[in-house]
C-alpha atoms as a PDB file:
ATOM      1  CA  UNK A   1      -0.056   0.016   0.260  1.00  0.00           C
ATOM      2  CA  UNK A   2       1.678   3.219  -0.925  1.00  0.00           C
ATOM      3  CA  UNK A   3       0.841   6.634   1.019  1.00  0.00           C
ATOM      4  CA  UNK A   4      -0.775   9.005  -0.958  1.00  0.00           C
ATOM      5  CA  UNK A   5      -0.785  13.220   0.287  1.00  0.00           C
ATOM      6  CA  UNK A   6      -4.816  14.336   0.223  1.00  0.00           C
ATOM      7  CA  UNK A   7      -3.556  17.243  -1.766  1.00  0.00           C
ATOM      8  CA  UNK A   8      -4.313  15.715  -5.073  1.00  0.00           C
ATOM      9  CA  UNK A   9      -8.055  15.444  -4.505  1.00  0.00           C
ATOM     10  CA  UNK A  10      -9.979  18.374  -5.309  1.00  0.00           C
ATOM     11  CA  UNK A  11     -10.283  21.370  -3.266  1.00  0.00           C
ATOM     12  CA  UNK A  12     -14.058  20.290  -2.329  1.00  0.00           C
ATOM     13  CA  UNK A  13     -12.977  17.566  -1.996  1.00  0.00           C
ATOM     14  CA  UNK A  14      -9.997  17.110   0.747  1.00  0.00           C
ATOM     15  CA  UNK A  15     -13.065  19.950   2.664  1.00  0.00           C
ATOM     16  CA  UNK A  16     -15.330  17.369   2.612  1.00  0.00           C
ATOM     17  CA  UNK A  17     -13.969  14.307   3.333  1.00  0.00           C
ATOM     18  CA  UNK A  18     -12.385  16.536   6.610  1.00  0.00           C
ATOM     19  CA  UNK A  19     -15.731  16.974   8.005  1.00  0.00           C
ATOM     20  CA  UNK A  20     -15.124  13.000   9.082  1.00  0.00           C
ATOM     21  CA  UNK A  21     -11.600  12.392   9.097  1.00  0.00           C
ATOM     22  CA  UNK A  22      -9.602  15.418   9.764  1.00  0.00           C
ATOM     23  CA  UNK A  23      -5.299  15.055  10.490  1.00  0.00           C
ATOM     24  CA  UNK A  24      -5.843  10.720  10.655  1.00  0.00           C
ATOM     25  CA  UNK A  25      -4.470   8.922   8.233  1.00  0.00           C
ATOM     26  CA  UNK A  26      -7.897   6.453   5.661  1.00  0.00           C
ATOM     27  CA  UNK A  27      -7.844   3.942   3.849  1.00  0.00           C
ATOM     28  CA  UNK A  28      -9.208   3.811   0.821  1.00  0.00           C
ATOM     29  CA  UNK A  29      -9.791   1.011  -1.202  1.00  0.00           C
ATOM     30  CA  UNK A  30      -9.785  -0.754  -4.602  1.00  0.00           C
ATOM     31  CA  UNK A  31     -13.159  -1.227  -6.632  1.00  0.00           C
ATOM     32  CA  UNK A  32     -14.302  -4.684  -6.346  1.00  0.00           C
ATOM     33  CA  UNK A  33     -12.900  -6.491  -8.626  1.00  0.00           C
ATOM     34  CA  UNK A  34     -10.073  -4.773  -9.237  1.00  0.00           C
ATOM     35  CA  UNK A  35      -7.653  -7.176  -6.182  1.00  0.00           C
ATOM     36  CA  UNK A  36      -5.087  -9.244  -7.645  1.00  0.00           C
ATOM     37  CA  UNK A  37      -5.074 -12.793  -6.011  1.00  0.00           C
ATOM     38  CA  UNK A  38      -2.608 -13.727  -2.873  1.00  0.00           C
ATOM     39  CA  UNK A  39       0.779 -14.430  -3.889  1.00  0.00           C
ATOM     40  CA  UNK A  40       0.395 -13.237  -7.386  1.00  0.00           C
ATOM     41  CA  UNK A  41       2.996  -9.755  -7.654  1.00  0.00           C
ATOM     42  CA  UNK A  42       5.198 -11.761  -5.461  1.00  0.00           C
ATOM     43  CA  UNK A  43       5.329 -14.311  -7.665  1.00  0.00           C
ATOM     44  CA  UNK A  44       4.527 -16.971  -4.309  1.00  0.00           C
ATOM     45  CA  UNK A  45       1.966 -18.433  -6.352  1.00  0.00           C
ATOM     46  CA  UNK A  46       3.842 -19.262  -9.168  1.00  0.00           C
ATOM     47  CA  UNK A  47       6.793 -20.591  -6.792  1.00  0.00           C
ATOM     48  CA  UNK A  48       3.684 -22.846  -5.419  1.00  0.00           C
ATOM     49  CA  UNK A  49       2.691 -24.534  -7.975  1.00  0.00           C
ATOM     50  CA  UNK A  50       6.152 -24.799  -9.361  1.00  0.00           C
ATOM     51  CA  UNK A  51       7.214 -26.846  -6.324  1.00  0.00           C
ATOM     52  CA  UNK A  52       4.230 -28.749  -5.962  1.00  0.00           C
ATOM     53  CA  UNK A  53       4.223 -30.080  -9.440  1.00  0.00           C
ATOM     54  CA  UNK A  54       7.668 -31.028  -8.598  1.00  0.00           C
ATOM     55  CA  UNK A  55       6.418 -32.623  -5.814  1.00  0.00           C
ATOM     56  CA  UNK A  56       3.912 -34.592  -6.857  1.00  0.00           C
ATOM     57  CA  UNK A  57       6.828 -35.685  -9.768  1.00  0.00           C
ATOM     58  CA  UNK A  58       9.491 -36.804  -7.824  1.00  0.00           C
ATOM     59  CA  UNK A  59       6.639 -39.202  -6.067  1.00  0.00           C
ATOM     60  CA  UNK A  60       5.542 -40.940  -9.214  1.00  0.00           C
ATOM     61  CA  UNK A  61       9.252 -41.400  -9.779  1.00  0.00           C
ATOM     62  CA  UNK A  62       9.050 -43.198  -6.649  1.00  0.00           C
ATOM     63  CA  UNK A  63      10.841 -41.144  -4.096  1.00  0.00           C
ATOM     64  CA  UNK A  64       8.774 -41.476  -0.365  1.00  0.00           C
ATOM     65  CA  UNK A  65       6.833 -39.267   1.545  1.00  0.00           C
ATOM     66  CA  UNK A  66       8.874 -38.867   4.484  1.00  0.00           C
ATOM     67  CA  UNK A  67      11.707 -38.039   2.531  1.00  0.00           C
ATOM     68  CA  UNK A  68       9.848 -35.170   0.161  1.00  0.00           C
ATOM     69  CA  UNK A  69       8.899 -33.959   3.680  1.00  0.00           C
ATOM     70  CA  UNK A  70      12.824 -33.585   4.783  1.00  0.00           C
ATOM     71  CA  UNK A  71      13.898 -32.057   1.340  1.00  0.00           C
ATOM     72  CA  UNK A  72      11.204 -29.919   1.391  1.00  0.00           C
ATOM     73  CA  UNK A  73      10.806 -29.165   4.600  1.00  0.00           C
ATOM     74  CA  UNK A  74       7.161 -28.863   4.762  1.00  0.00           C
ATOM     75  CA  UNK A  75       5.392 -31.396   7.266  1.00  0.00           C
ATOM     76  CA  UNK A  76       4.011 -35.265   6.394  1.00  0.00           C
ATOM     77  CA  UNK A  77       0.277 -34.377   6.043  1.00  0.00           C
ATOM     78  CA  UNK A  78       1.462 -31.158   3.480  1.00  0.00           C
ATOM     79  CA  UNK A  79       3.058 -33.484   1.588  1.00  0.00           C
ATOM     80  CA  UNK A  80      -0.170 -35.936   1.562  1.00  0.00           C
ATOM     81  CA  UNK A  81      -2.461 -32.878   0.559  1.00  0.00           C
ATOM     82  CA  UNK A  82       0.156 -32.254  -2.405  1.00  0.00           C
ATOM     83  CA  UNK A  83       0.823 -35.501  -3.286  1.00  0.00           C
ATOM     84  CA  UNK A  84      -3.381 -36.227  -3.230  1.00  0.00           C
ATOM     85  CA  UNK A  85      -5.107 -33.549  -4.770  1.00  0.00           C
ATOM     86  CA  UNK A  86      -6.551 -32.808  -8.124  1.00  0.00           C
ATOM     87  CA  UNK A  87      -3.882 -30.461 -10.155  1.00  0.00           C
ATOM     88  CA  UNK A  88      -6.257 -27.198 -10.799  1.00  0.00           C
END
């Protein structure tokens, strides 16, 4: 979230806002439908998707769940969820 000074607003609008909030910061959310999903900007979503595909492939190649758990620093339950989940 980027801080922007209120002087970008038209004077009439700024005066109207000051009736409700004076000298404090307010958050103005993006319009509905504009918000990006979790991890899209940072690349985390892509990284996790690729990691999970790699885990599934290694499991199908014969690597045990215990070995995958140790290699990827994930719990055994997390590995099971990844291996047995349907691909999206």
